[in-house]
Each structure stands twice: as C-alpha cells, then as structure tokens.
C-alpha cells in the first residue's frame, strides 16, 4: 500500500508540501503582524494553528500534484489580496486558517508519504536508502530554502511570494517528470503564466526599500508609489516612495505635525477652536488636532486633490482620516488637480465666508514658480485677515538649511503685510526639511517659560521649552540682505 502511494505522490512534491507548510503561513503571518504589533502573540497563535491544520490535512488527503499546485497559487495570492484589499485584514486570521485547511487537504498525500516513511524507518522495516529523498532533491531544496532570505530585502515580501511560488511550481512539475497531454498543458500554462507574471512585475514594480515590507502600492498622477513598512524604534515605521524619491517618512511626519500643532494650541486662548488647515493631505496634522477633547471645527483645504484621495484610501492613512472625522467637525474645500491663480483666488473668497479662525495651519509644499500664488502678498493679506486677533498662523515653507535666503525672505513678506513673525525650526532635521513661522496680529512676548502640552505626544515634552526652537545656528541665520527685496522662487 505504501509503495503504491509513493508512486502516486511524487517524492519531490512531498518535500514541497513540508516547505509550504513552514514558509507560506509563517511568511504571511509575519507580513500581517506589521499592522497589529500589539497582537503579536495572537497572530503567531493563528499561524501555529494554521500549521497544525496543514499537518492535520493528511487525513483528508487529496492525491495528485495538481491540487498541490493550486494550493501554492492560493498562498501566493494572499500577498496581493491583503495588499490591494486592506478591508480584508481584520479577517486575516480566518483566511489563514481556511487557506491552511485547503492546503492541508491538497498536500495531505505528501504529509502521508513522509509520515508513513518515517514510521517504517523508525520501526526498522524500511532502510534509509529507500527513503523518498534524493541527494539532488536535497541540494535543490537547500537552494530554494535559502533563496528567500537573500531575495526578500530587494523584492519585498510580495515579490518574494511570487518568485518562490513560481520556482517551487517548476520544481514540483520537474519532480513528477510531467508527461502526457494534460501534464504538458499544465507545464506550459504554469511556465507562460509565470513568465507573464514576471514581465508584469517588472512593469508594475513597486519601489521596495531594503528590510521593509511592501504593504500598499498604487498609481498617483501616473506615477507608481509604494508604501513600505518595517518594525523599528519600538513602533511601526512607514516610508512612501516612488521611483524617483522618498515622499513620506512616518518619523519625520509625526515630528513635523506635533511642532506645527501643539505649541500653537498651547499658546492659544480660545475656548473652542475654529481651525483652517491648508495642505496636510496625509492626515497627520488632523490626527494631532483630534487629540484635543473640545472637538474643534476644521475647514480643510487639501492643496493636492489626487494625493488627498490616495491618503484617504491607503492603509494606515485611511484609519487616521477616519478617526479624525469621528472627533472633528471637518468641512473640506477642494481644488482641482492643477489649479490656477483664478481658482486659488476664488477659494480664498470662499474661505473668507467661513468667518475668522483662531488657528491657521499652512502646511505648504516647497515653493516653486508653479505654486507662487500660495506665497504672494495677496494670499498673505487674505490669510491674515481671516486670523482672529489672538490667533496664531503656523506656516511651513522653505528650508532654512538648504534654502536659507528663500526662507528668511518669505518670513519677511509676512512682516511687510503688517504681521508679527516668529521664525523657528524643527531639530533634528530629517526628510523633507522645512522651516516654520508663527504669524501673529499682536506682538509676540518672548519668554523662557515652557508651554504646557496637555495631550500625549511622541516627540514634544509636556513642559515644552519652545524658545529652544527659535535659536538658529550661525550658518542659517539671516544676514540682513535676505530680509529685503523680492523672493525668487525656484523653477520646476
């Protein structure tokens, strides 16, 4: 009986069944655990249960290698499924268990071959030379087992799933020495499909970072952008990258949002805030505003509509926006993708109709000629008129490190329209460095007394010595000439 079963179930497919049981559930579980680090034990308990179901599937075995191939396809597909359909992640545990059961049934014959062979070896009825493992198979097995650890830092877990599934499928078909009409069709279909998938992967290639996992990828304005994640610094670290540059880094984002929001909130004397937010498409500033219990009214103007749509759909960012909508009264005013001067002027009139604001957060993009309408004297006068007498406007604009003359010139433009300006900067400076200014309608009273931050923060301290952010090193201080004349904006 045992020898007949060995003939029906290839020796190589038996080994592949063991590998699948160990690699794919653990790999998918590790990938998903990025999103629930607080449920690490629960996640790995589910993975252990999945492995148990896989082994237990030998009692419902389905002979034949083709069922096993479909099992490999199913496990490979879990990566893209969780990537493109984030709403399925809350059900990841059940999906893993279901996939393990199906895999156990598909590869049950493989487990049965190895278990029965091991039983015969243990009892002495089967010589080790008759065990269904060849030296060539062991060498190939070693290569394929080692491959993921060398490839994953470059392809990410999603790309690795695709590559490993393709190679192991070829290994199985080679092991059974595919022959006959049906087998040749299976071999040809697998090969053509695999090659097509590789070509599509190269065309669609998500920009993965070393030692990060690809967790989401989409096209924004015709450009492929990819969200990568890793565990580090005691938290989840995210990076949004394109083929040309890094667009977002979570450590920089929460530091920037905290320095924009909390010092101004601590200084403001308003009992209930009415806030204007320009920019802030990723939702990080909204998240910091939502930490305060009074439930502020926010008029939000995303400056780049396509990026606002992306962040409201992408995992992690969509959750931030959803939580902010629950705690804040958000009114969104939109602009077209490539807005012009006349549209910006009309928007300013629409914002003016909303009344005065106790706080204005202007998270502006790097200044260029194409976006010069955001930095004109007319825009500054309009925003200053919307600010209440005791209010604070916080602007993030040019970098005092890389664009020193431009930063100080833009700050001086606020003084030219009658505002009081308090320049400060984020230290240490990281990706996407910006300088900041407080814009006030009343003189600023300098003080060494710390500001009181009453909400939880990760970067700022509860007793914030804000005056330290107002100190600039010698190589970034203005020399006087930079505070005069017209600012020349960089061209695209």
Protein backbone atom coordinates (compact mmCIF):
# COMPACT_ATOMS: atom_id res chain seq x y z
CA UNK A 1 0.00 0.00 0.00
CA UNK A 2 2.81 2.38 0.95
CA UNK A 3 4.78 1.75 -2.26
CA UNK A 4 1.66 2.32 -4.39
CA UNK A 5 1.05 5.61 -2.63
CA UNK A 6 4.67 6.61 -3.19
CA UNK A 7 4.19 6.04 -6.90
CA UNK A 8 1.04 8.19 -6.98
CA UNK A 9 2.58 11.03 -4.96
CA UNK A 10 5.93 12.30 -6.14
CA UNK A 11 8.78 12.43 -3.67
CA UNK A 12 9.57 15.98 -4.61
CA UNK A 13 6.00 17.12 -4.08
CA UNK A 14 6.09 15.58 -0.61
CA UNK A 15 9.08 17.74 0.25
CA UNK A 16 7.38 20.78 -1.29
CA UNK A 17 4.35 20.14 0.90
CA UNK A 18 6.51 20.31 4.00
CA UNK A 19 8.15 23.53 2.79
CA UNK A 20 4.84 25.19 2.01
CA UNK A 21 3.57 24.31 5.47
CA UNK A 22 6.55 26.06 7.04
CA UNK A 23 7.18 29.01 4.70
CA UNK A 24 3.96 30.49 3.39
CA UNK A 25 1.77 30.63 6.53
CA UNK A 26 4.66 31.97 8.63
CA UNK A 27 5.59 34.47 5.91
CA UNK A 28 2.05 35.82 5.50
CA UNK A 29 1.62 35.92 9.27
CA UNK A 30 4.83 37.92 9.71
CA UNK A 31 3.75 40.35 6.98
CA UNK A 32 0.36 40.92 8.58
CA UNK A 33 1.86 41.33 12.03
CA UNK A 34 3.24 44.69 10.88
CA UNK A 35 -0.32 46.02 11.22
CA UNK A 36 -1.09 44.54 14.63
CA UNK A 37 2.14 44.65 16.65
CA UNK A 38 0.11 44.70 19.86
CA UNK A 39 -1.45 41.34 18.86
CA UNK A 40 1.83 39.56 18.16
CA UNK A 41 1.04 36.54 20.33
CA UNK A 42 -2.45 36.20 18.86
CA UNK A 43 -1.07 36.41 15.32
CA UNK A 44 1.50 33.72 15.87
CA UNK A 45 -1.06 31.55 17.68
CA UNK A 46 -3.12 31.73 14.47
CA UNK A 47 -0.04 30.81 12.41
CA UNK A 48 0.64 27.84 14.71
CA UNK A 49 -2.97 26.74 14.35
CA UNK A 50 -2.63 27.07 10.57
CA UNK A 51 0.42 24.81 10.59
CA UNK A 52 -1.49 22.33 12.72
CA UNK A 53 -4.38 22.33 10.27
CA UNK A 54 -1.94 21.81 7.43
CA UNK A 55 -0.42 18.76 9.07
CA UNK A 56 -3.85 17.51 10.08
CA UNK A 57 -5.00 17.69 6.48
CA UNK A 58 -3.18 14.42 5.77
CA UNK A 59 -6.28 12.52 6.98
CA UNK A 60 -8.31 14.20 4.22
CA UNK A 61 -5.57 13.79 1.66
CA UNK A 62 -6.11 14.51 -2.00
CA UNK A 63 -3.67 12.59 -4.19
CA UNK A 64 -2.06 14.15 -7.22
CA UNK A 65 0.33 17.02 -7.61
CA UNK A 66 -2.03 19.39 -9.41
CA UNK A 67 -4.11 20.02 -6.32
CA UNK A 68 -0.90 20.96 -4.55
CA UNK A 69 -0.06 23.45 -7.26
CA UNK A 70 -3.38 25.19 -6.72
CA UNK A 71 -2.54 25.32 -3.02
CA UNK A 72 0.72 27.12 -3.83
CA UNK A 73 -1.18 29.58 -6.05
CA UNK A 74 -3.63 30.27 -3.22
CA UNK A 75 -0.89 31.05 -0.73
CA UNK A 76 1.00 33.26 -3.18
CA UNK A 77 -2.24 35.17 -3.86
CA UNK A 78 -2.64 36.07 -0.19
CA UNK A 79 0.06 38.73 -0.55
CA UNK A 80 -1.68 40.70 -3.34
CA UNK A 81 -5.09 40.10 -1.73
CA UNK A 82 -4.09 41.77 1.55
CA UNK A 83 -2.17 44.44 -0.37
CA UNK A 84 -4.95 45.56 -2.71
CA UNK A 85 -7.90 44.91 -0.38
CA UNK A 86 -6.94 46.27 3.06
CA UNK A 87 -10.51 45.80 4.26
CA UNK A 88 -9.81 42.04 4.41
CA UNK A 89 -7.05 42.41 7.02
CA UNK A 90 -9.40 42.23 10.03
CA UNK A 91 -10.35 38.75 8.79
CA UNK A 92 -6.74 37.70 8.19
CA UNK A 93 -6.76 35.07 10.92
CA UNK A 94 -9.76 33.25 9.49
CA UNK A 95 -8.37 33.50 5.96
CA UNK A 96 -5.08 31.99 7.14
CA UNK A 97 -6.87 29.10 8.83
CA UNK A 98 -9.05 28.44 5.79
CA UNK A 99 -6.02 28.53 3.50
CA UNK A 100 -4.17 26.15 5.80
CA UNK A 101 -7.06 23.68 5.76
CA UNK A 102 -7.29 23.78 1.96
CA UNK A 103 -3.52 23.42 1.75
CA UNK A 104 -3.54 20.52 4.16
CA UNK A 105 -6.13 18.68 2.05
CA UNK A 106 -4.21 19.46 -1.15
CA UNK A 107 -0.89 18.28 0.25
CA UNK A 108 -2.25 15.66 2.60
CA UNK A 109 -0.81 12.91 0.44
CA UNK A 110 2.64 14.45 0.74
CA UNK A 111 2.41 14.53 4.51
CA UNK A 112 1.15 10.95 4.46
CA UNK A 113 4.11 9.74 2.40
CA UNK A 114 6.65 11.31 4.73
CA UNK A 115 4.85 10.29 7.92
CA UNK A 116 4.48 6.67 6.79
CA UNK A 117 8.06 6.54 5.55
CA UNK A 118 9.32 7.92 8.85
CA UNK A 119 7.26 5.31 10.71
CA UNK A 120 8.81 2.50 8.69
CA UNK A 121 12.32 3.91 9.22
CA UNK A 122 11.68 4.15 12.95
CA UNK A 123 10.39 0.60 13.15
CA UNK A 124 13.29 -0.71 11.06
CA UNK A 125 11.17 -2.07 8.22
CA UNK A 126 12.49 0.50 5.73
CA UNK A 127 16.16 1.08 5.00
CA UNK A 128 17.32 4.70 4.88
CA UNK A 129 18.49 4.14 1.31
CA UNK A 130 14.84 3.58 0.31
CA UNK A 131 13.59 6.82 1.88
CA UNK A 132 11.91 9.05 -0.73
CA UNK A 133 14.70 11.72 -0.69
CA UNK A 134 17.48 12.01 -3.28
CA UNK A 135 20.74 13.97 -2.95
CA UNK A 136 19.82 16.20 -5.90
CA UNK A 137 16.48 16.93 -4.29
CA UNK A 138 18.18 17.90 -1.04
CA UNK A 139 20.55 20.26 -2.86
CA UNK A 140 17.70 21.94 -4.73
CA UNK A 141 15.71 22.08 -1.51
CA UNK A 142 18.59 23.83 0.26
CA UNK A 143 18.93 26.38 -2.54
CA UNK A 144 15.21 27.15 -2.57
CA UNK A 145 15.05 27.39 1.21
CA UNK A 146 17.97 29.84 1.30
CA UNK A 147 16.77 31.92 -1.65
CA UNK A 148 14.07 33.92 0.20
CA UNK A 149 16.47 35.25 2.79
CA UNK A 150 18.73 36.70 0.11
CA UNK A 151 15.97 38.00 -2.19
CA UNK A 152 13.44 39.48 0.28
CA UNK A 153 15.42 42.67 1.12
CA UNK A 154 15.29 43.60 -2.58
CA UNK A 155 11.88 42.35 -3.75
CA UNK A 156 9.89 42.77 -0.56
CA UNK A 157 7.63 40.03 0.75
CA UNK A 158 5.09 40.38 -2.05
CA UNK A 159 7.67 39.98 -4.80
CA UNK A 160 9.25 37.12 -2.91
CA UNK A 161 5.92 35.30 -2.64
CA UNK A 162 5.52 35.50 -6.40
CA UNK A 163 9.07 34.33 -7.13
CA UNK A 164 9.06 31.47 -4.61
CA UNK A 165 5.67 30.23 -5.75
CA UNK A 166 6.80 30.23 -9.38
CA UNK A 167 10.08 28.42 -8.69
CA UNK A 168 8.50 25.85 -6.43
CA UNK A 169 5.82 25.16 -9.02
CA UNK A 170 8.51 24.45 -11.59
CA UNK A 171 10.30 22.26 -9.06
CA UNK A 172 7.17 20.18 -8.49
CA UNK A 173 6.50 19.74 -12.20
CA UNK A 174 10.10 18.73 -12.76
CA UNK A 175 9.86 16.31 -9.85
CA UNK A 176 6.85 14.48 -11.27
CA UNK A 177 8.50 14.46 -14.74
CA UNK A 178 5.41 15.85 -16.40
CA UNK A 179 4.39 13.73 -19.34
CA UNK A 180 1.27 13.22 -21.42
CA UNK A 181 -1.08 15.74 -22.93
CA UNK A 182 -2.63 17.11 -19.74
CA UNK A 183 0.71 17.38 -17.95
CA UNK A 184 2.29 19.21 -20.85
CA UNK A 185 -0.59 21.69 -20.84
CA UNK A 186 -0.12 22.22 -17.11
CA UNK A 187 3.63 22.68 -17.57
CA UNK A 188 3.14 25.12 -20.44
CA UNK A 189 0.40 27.07 -18.65
CA UNK A 190 2.45 27.38 -15.49
CA UNK A 191 5.54 28.50 -17.44
CA UNK A 192 3.73 31.04 -19.60
CA UNK A 193 1.76 32.36 -16.66
CA UNK A 194 4.91 32.63 -14.58
CA UNK A 195 6.84 34.44 -17.29
CA UNK A 196 3.91 36.79 -17.89
CA UNK A 197 3.74 37.47 -14.17
CA UNK A 198 7.46 38.26 -14.10
CA UNK A 199 7.10 40.68 -17.03
CA UNK A 200 4.11 42.34 -15.36
CA UNK A 201 6.05 42.57 -12.11
CA UNK A 202 8.92 44.37 -13.82
CA UNK A 203 6.48 46.82 -15.48
CA UNK A 204 4.48 47.38 -12.31
CA UNK A 205 7.49 47.06 -9.97
CA UNK A 206 6.70 48.59 -6.58
CA UNK A 207 9.61 50.58 -5.19
CA UNK A 208 10.55 48.47 -2.18
CA UNK A 209 13.14 49.52 0.39
CA UNK A 210 15.72 47.14 1.92
CA UNK A 211 14.43 45.40 5.05
CA UNK A 212 10.94 46.87 4.55
CA UNK A 213 7.73 45.10 3.60
CA UNK A 214 5.59 46.33 0.72
CA UNK A 215 2.16 46.99 2.22
CA UNK A 216 0.40 49.07 -0.42
CA UNK A 217 1.05 50.30 -3.94
CA UNK A 218 -0.98 52.48 -6.28
CA UNK A 219 -0.69 54.92 -9.15
CA UNK A 220 -0.91 58.62 -8.25
CA UNK A 221 -0.94 61.05 -11.15
CA UNK A 222 0.53 58.42 -13.45
CA UNK A 223 3.40 57.63 -11.05
CA UNK A 224 3.70 54.36 -9.13
CA UNK A 225 4.08 54.96 -5.39
CA UNK A 226 4.62 52.27 -2.79
CA UNK A 227 4.09 52.25 0.96
CA UNK A 228 6.80 50.29 2.77
CA UNK A 229 6.84 49.33 6.44
CA UNK A 230 9.23 47.88 8.97
CA UNK A 231 9.33 47.39 12.72
CA UNK A 232 11.86 49.59 14.48
CA UNK A 233 12.35 52.16 17.22
CA UNK A 234 9.67 50.36 19.20
CA UNK A 235 7.00 51.16 16.63
CA UNK A 236 5.89 50.74 13.04
CA UNK A 237 8.00 52.83 10.65
CA UNK A 238 6.44 53.76 7.29
CA UNK A 239 8.01 55.17 4.14
CA UNK A 240 6.18 56.18 0.96
CA UNK A 241 8.47 56.05 -2.05
CA UNK A 242 8.30 56.49 -5.80
CA UNK A 243 10.81 55.56 -8.44
CA UNK A 244 12.48 58.94 -8.02
CA UNK A 245 12.40 59.81 -4.33
CA UNK A 246 11.08 59.19 -0.83
CA UNK A 247 7.83 61.11 -0.43
CA UNK A 248 6.89 60.43 3.19
CA UNK A 249 8.55 59.10 6.31
CA UNK A 250 6.45 58.46 9.40
CA UNK A 251 9.07 59.54 11.96
CA UNK A 252 9.50 62.89 10.24
CA UNK A 253 5.74 63.24 9.73
CA UNK A 254 4.69 62.97 13.37
CA UNK A 255 7.51 65.30 14.49
CA UNK A 256 6.52 67.92 11.94
CA UNK A 257 2.81 67.63 12.79
CA UNK A 258 3.49 67.94 16.51
CA UNK A 259 5.67 71.04 16.15
CA UNK A 260 3.05 72.67 13.91
CA UNK A 261 0.01 71.93 16.07
CA UNK A 262 0.79 71.66 19.77
CA UNK A 263 2.84 74.81 20.55
CA UNK A 264 0.20 76.92 18.79
CA UNK A 265 -2.62 75.12 20.61
CA UNK A 266 -0.82 75.63 23.93
CA UNK A 267 -0.45 79.36 23.28
CA UNK A 268 -3.99 79.90 22.00
CA UNK A 269 -6.52 81.26 24.49
CA UNK A 270 -9.63 80.23 22.54
CA UNK A 271 -12.07 78.02 24.44
CA UNK A 272 -13.30 76.33 21.28
CA UNK A 273 -11.10 76.33 18.22
CA UNK A 274 -12.08 77.07 14.68
CA UNK A 275 -9.16 75.96 12.53
CA UNK A 276 -8.17 76.41 8.89
CA UNK A 277 -5.85 73.71 7.55
CA UNK A 278 -4.12 74.21 4.21
CA UNK A 279 -2.44 71.04 2.97
CA UNK A 280 -1.93 68.16 5.40
CA UNK A 281 -3.10 65.57 2.87
CA UNK A 282 -1.62 62.61 4.77
CA UNK A 283 -3.88 63.33 7.77
CA UNK A 284 -1.11 63.53 10.37
CA UNK A 285 -1.94 67.14 11.32
CA UNK A 286 -5.64 66.24 11.58
CA UNK A 287 -4.68 63.39 13.93
CA UNK A 288 -2.80 65.79 16.23
CA UNK A 289 -5.69 68.28 16.24
CA UNK A 290 -8.11 65.46 17.08
CA UNK A 291 -6.23 64.67 20.30
CA UNK A 292 -7.87 67.65 21.99
CA UNK A 293 -11.21 66.95 23.71
CA UNK A 294 -13.16 70.05 22.65
CA UNK A 295 -13.90 68.76 19.12
CA UNK A 296 -12.66 71.61 17.01
CA UNK A 297 -14.30 72.81 13.79
CA UNK A 298 -11.82 72.39 10.93
CA UNK A 299 -12.03 73.83 7.42
CA UNK A 300 -9.64 71.61 5.47
CA UNK A 301 -8.24 72.63 2.07
CA UNK A 302 -6.07 69.87 0.57
CA UNK A 303 -3.78 71.55 -1.93
CA UNK A 304 -3.27 68.38 -4.00
CA UNK A 305 -6.55 66.56 -4.58
CA UNK A 306 -5.02 63.41 -6.10
CA UNK A 307 -2.81 62.94 -3.04
CA UNK A 308 -5.72 63.59 -0.69
CA UNK A 309 -7.68 60.84 -2.46
CA UNK A 310 -4.70 58.49 -2.23
CA UNK A 311 -4.14 59.02 1.50
CA UNK A 312 -7.83 58.59 2.30
CA UNK A 313 -7.78 55.15 0.62
CA UNK A 314 -4.33 53.83 1.53
CA UNK A 315 -3.97 51.63 4.63
CA UNK A 316 -2.78 53.36 7.82
CA UNK A 317 -3.65 56.81 6.41
CA UNK A 318 -7.31 55.90 5.83
CA UNK A 319 -7.57 54.93 9.51
CA UNK A 320 -6.06 58.29 10.55
CA UNK A 321 -8.60 60.18 8.43
CA UNK A 322 -11.48 58.07 9.71
CA UNK A 323 -10.56 58.67 13.37
CA UNK A 324 -10.16 62.42 12.71
CA UNK A 325 -13.63 62.59 11.11
CA UNK A 326 -15.12 61.00 14.23
CA UNK A 327 -13.59 63.56 16.60
CA UNK A 328 -13.58 66.73 14.50
CA UNK A 329 -16.15 68.70 12.53
CA UNK A 330 -14.36 68.73 9.20
CA UNK A 331 -15.53 70.76 6.23
CA UNK A 332 -13.49 70.01 3.12
CA UNK A 333 -12.99 72.59 0.38
CA UNK A 334 -11.38 71.23 -2.75
CA UNK A 335 -9.17 72.42 -5.56
CA UNK A 336 -8.70 70.85 -8.98
CA UNK A 337 -5.59 68.78 -9.63
CA UNK A 338 -3.75 71.60 -11.42
CA UNK A 339 -5.36 74.72 -10.00
CA UNK A 340 -4.53 78.16 -11.40
CA UNK A 341 -4.39 81.65 -9.89
CA UNK A 342 -8.04 82.40 -10.53
CA UNK A 343 -9.19 79.20 -8.80
CA UNK A 344 -6.98 79.93 -5.78
CA UNK A 345 -8.38 83.47 -5.56
CA UNK A 346 -11.94 82.13 -5.68
CA UNK A 347 -11.10 79.64 -2.94
CA UNK A 348 -9.75 82.39 -0.69
CA UNK A 349 -13.07 84.22 -1.03
CA UNK A 350 -14.92 81.03 -0.16
CA UNK A 351 -12.76 80.53 2.93
CA UNK A 352 -13.28 84.16 3.97
CA UNK A 353 -17.01 83.49 4.04
CA UNK A 354 -16.44 80.89 6.78
CA UNK A 355 -15.55 83.64 9.30
CA UNK A 356 -12.40 84.17 11.37
CA UNK A 357 -10.14 81.38 12.62
CA UNK A 358 -8.36 81.05 15.95
CA UNK A 359 -5.69 78.88 14.34
CA UNK A 360 -4.46 78.54 10.76
CA UNK A 361 -2.07 75.73 9.85
CA UNK A 362 -0.49 76.23 6.42
CA UNK A 363 1.44 73.04 5.58
CA UNK A 364 2.67 74.33 2.24
CA UNK A 365 4.67 72.44 -0.40
CA UNK A 366 8.19 73.54 -1.32
CA UNK A 367 7.85 76.92 -3.07
CA UNK A 368 8.19 76.92 -6.86
CA UNK A 369 7.16 79.23 -9.68
CA UNK A 370 4.20 76.95 -10.46
CA UNK A 371 2.86 77.43 -6.91
CA UNK A 372 3.79 81.07 -6.45
CA UNK A 373 0.14 82.04 -5.82
CA UNK A 374 0.49 80.40 -2.36
CA UNK A 375 3.26 82.83 -1.39
CA UNK A 376 2.11 86.14 -2.83
CA UNK A 377 1.43 89.22 -0.72
CA UNK A 378 -2.23 88.99 -1.70
CA UNK A 379 -2.52 85.46 -0.22
CA UNK A 380 -0.73 86.53 2.95
CA UNK A 381 -3.03 89.54 3.40
CA UNK A 382 -6.12 87.35 2.86
CA UNK A 383 -4.99 84.76 5.42
CA UNK A 384 -4.01 87.41 7.94
CA UNK A 385 -7.47 88.98 7.61
CA UNK A 386 -9.05 85.61 8.42
CA UNK A 387 -6.97 85.21 11.62
CA UNK A 388 -8.55 86.29 14.88
CA UNK A 389 -6.81 88.99 16.93
CA UNK A 390 -5.46 86.46 19.47
CA UNK A 391 -4.95 83.73 16.90
CA UNK A 392 -1.83 82.05 15.55
CA UNK A 393 -0.99 81.17 11.96
CA UNK A 394 1.69 78.49 11.55
CA UNK A 395 3.33 78.27 8.12
CA UNK A 396 5.68 75.55 6.92
CA UNK A 397 7.54 76.70 3.83
CA UNK A 398 11.17 76.67 2.72
CA UNK A 399 14.13 75.02 4.40
CA UNK A 400 16.41 77.29 6.47
CA UNK A 401 19.19 74.77 5.89
CA UNK A 402 19.02 74.23 2.14
CA UNK A 403 17.17 77.43 1.11
CA UNK A 404 18.32 79.99 3.67
CA UNK A 405 17.74 83.18 1.60
CA UNK A 406 14.31 82.00 0.48
CA UNK A 407 13.19 81.01 3.99
CA UNK A 408 14.05 84.39 5.52
CA UNK A 409 12.67 86.31 2.53
CA UNK A 410 9.30 84.52 2.78
CA UNK A 411 9.21 85.18 6.53
CA UNK A 412 9.92 88.87 5.88
CA UNK A 413 6.98 89.03 3.46
CA UNK A 414 4.64 88.46 6.42
CA UNK A 415 6.15 91.47 8.17
CA UNK A 416 5.61 93.56 5.03
CA UNK A 417 1.83 92.90 5.17
CA UNK A 418 1.66 94.00 8.81
CA UNK A 419 2.08 90.74 10.75
CA UNK A 420 4.42 89.87 13.61
CA UNK A 421 6.66 86.94 12.71
CA UNK A 422 8.33 84.32 14.94
CA UNK A 423 10.61 82.02 12.90
CA UNK A 424 11.51 78.60 14.30
CA UNK A 425 12.68 75.24 13.05
CA UNK A 426 12.48 71.51 13.73
CA UNK A 427 15.54 69.94 15.32
CA UNK A 428 16.85 67.49 14.38
CA UNK A 429 16.04 67.99 10.72
CA UNK A 430 15.09 64.91 8.73
CA UNK A 431 13.47 64.10 5.38
CA UNK A 432 11.52 66.93 3.75
CA UNK A 433 13.04 69.58 5.97
CA UNK A 434 11.00 72.77 6.42
CA UNK A 435 11.34 75.92 8.42
CA UNK A 436 8.32 77.35 10.22
CA UNK A 437 6.98 80.73 11.21
CA UNK A 438 4.38 81.84 13.67
CA UNK A 439 2.36 84.71 12.21
CA UNK A 440 0.58 86.91 14.78
CA UNK A 441 -1.56 90.03 14.70
CA UNK A 442 -0.24 91.15 18.10
CA UNK A 443 3.41 91.43 19.22
CA UNK A 444 5.00 88.22 20.46
CA UNK A 445 6.13 88.29 24.07
CA UNK A 446 9.28 86.20 24.29
CA UNK A 447 9.52 84.02 27.37
CA UNK A 448 11.66 81.20 28.67
CA UNK A 449 8.67 79.72 30.48
CA UNK A 450 7.71 76.35 28.96
CA UNK A 451 4.46 75.82 27.09
CA UNK A 452 2.07 73.26 28.57
CA UNK A 453 1.29 70.38 26.20
CA UNK A 454 -1.79 68.64 27.63
CA UNK A 455 -2.16 65.77 25.14
CA UNK A 456 0.05 62.70 24.55
CA UNK A 457 2.94 63.27 22.15
CA UNK A 458 5.88 61.23 20.88
CA UNK A 459 8.38 63.99 20.12
CA UNK A 460 7.48 67.03 22.22
CA UNK A 461 7.67 67.08 26.01
CA UNK A 462 4.71 68.08 28.23
CA UNK A 463 6.75 71.06 29.52
CA UNK A 464 7.90 72.42 26.16
CA UNK A 465 10.77 74.95 26.14
CA UNK A 466 9.64 76.48 22.87
CA UNK A 467 12.34 79.18 22.86
CA UNK A 468 14.93 76.49 22.00
CA UNK A 469 13.27 76.00 18.59
CA UNK A 470 13.72 79.72 17.88
CA UNK A 471 17.51 79.51 18.01
CA UNK A 472 19.23 79.25 14.64
CA UNK A 473 22.85 78.30 14.10
CA UNK A 474 25.26 80.83 12.58
CA UNK A 475 25.19 79.21 9.13
CA UNK A 476 21.39 79.56 8.84
CA UNK A 477 20.89 82.97 10.46
CA UNK A 478 19.84 85.83 8.13
CA UNK A 479 22.48 88.35 7.14
CA UNK A 480 20.08 91.27 6.71
CA UNK A 481 20.09 91.35 2.90
CA UNK A 482 17.97 88.20 2.81
CA UNK A 483 15.13 90.06 4.52
CA UNK A 484 14.86 92.61 1.70
CA UNK A 485 13.80 92.60 -1.94
CA UNK A 486 11.73 90.13 -3.92
CA UNK A 487 11.93 86.40 -3.29
CA UNK A 488 12.98 84.38 -6.30
CA UNK A 489 11.10 81.10 -6.29
CA UNK A 490 12.83 78.02 -7.71
CA UNK A 491 11.51 76.83 -11.06
CA UNK A 492 10.35 73.28 -11.62
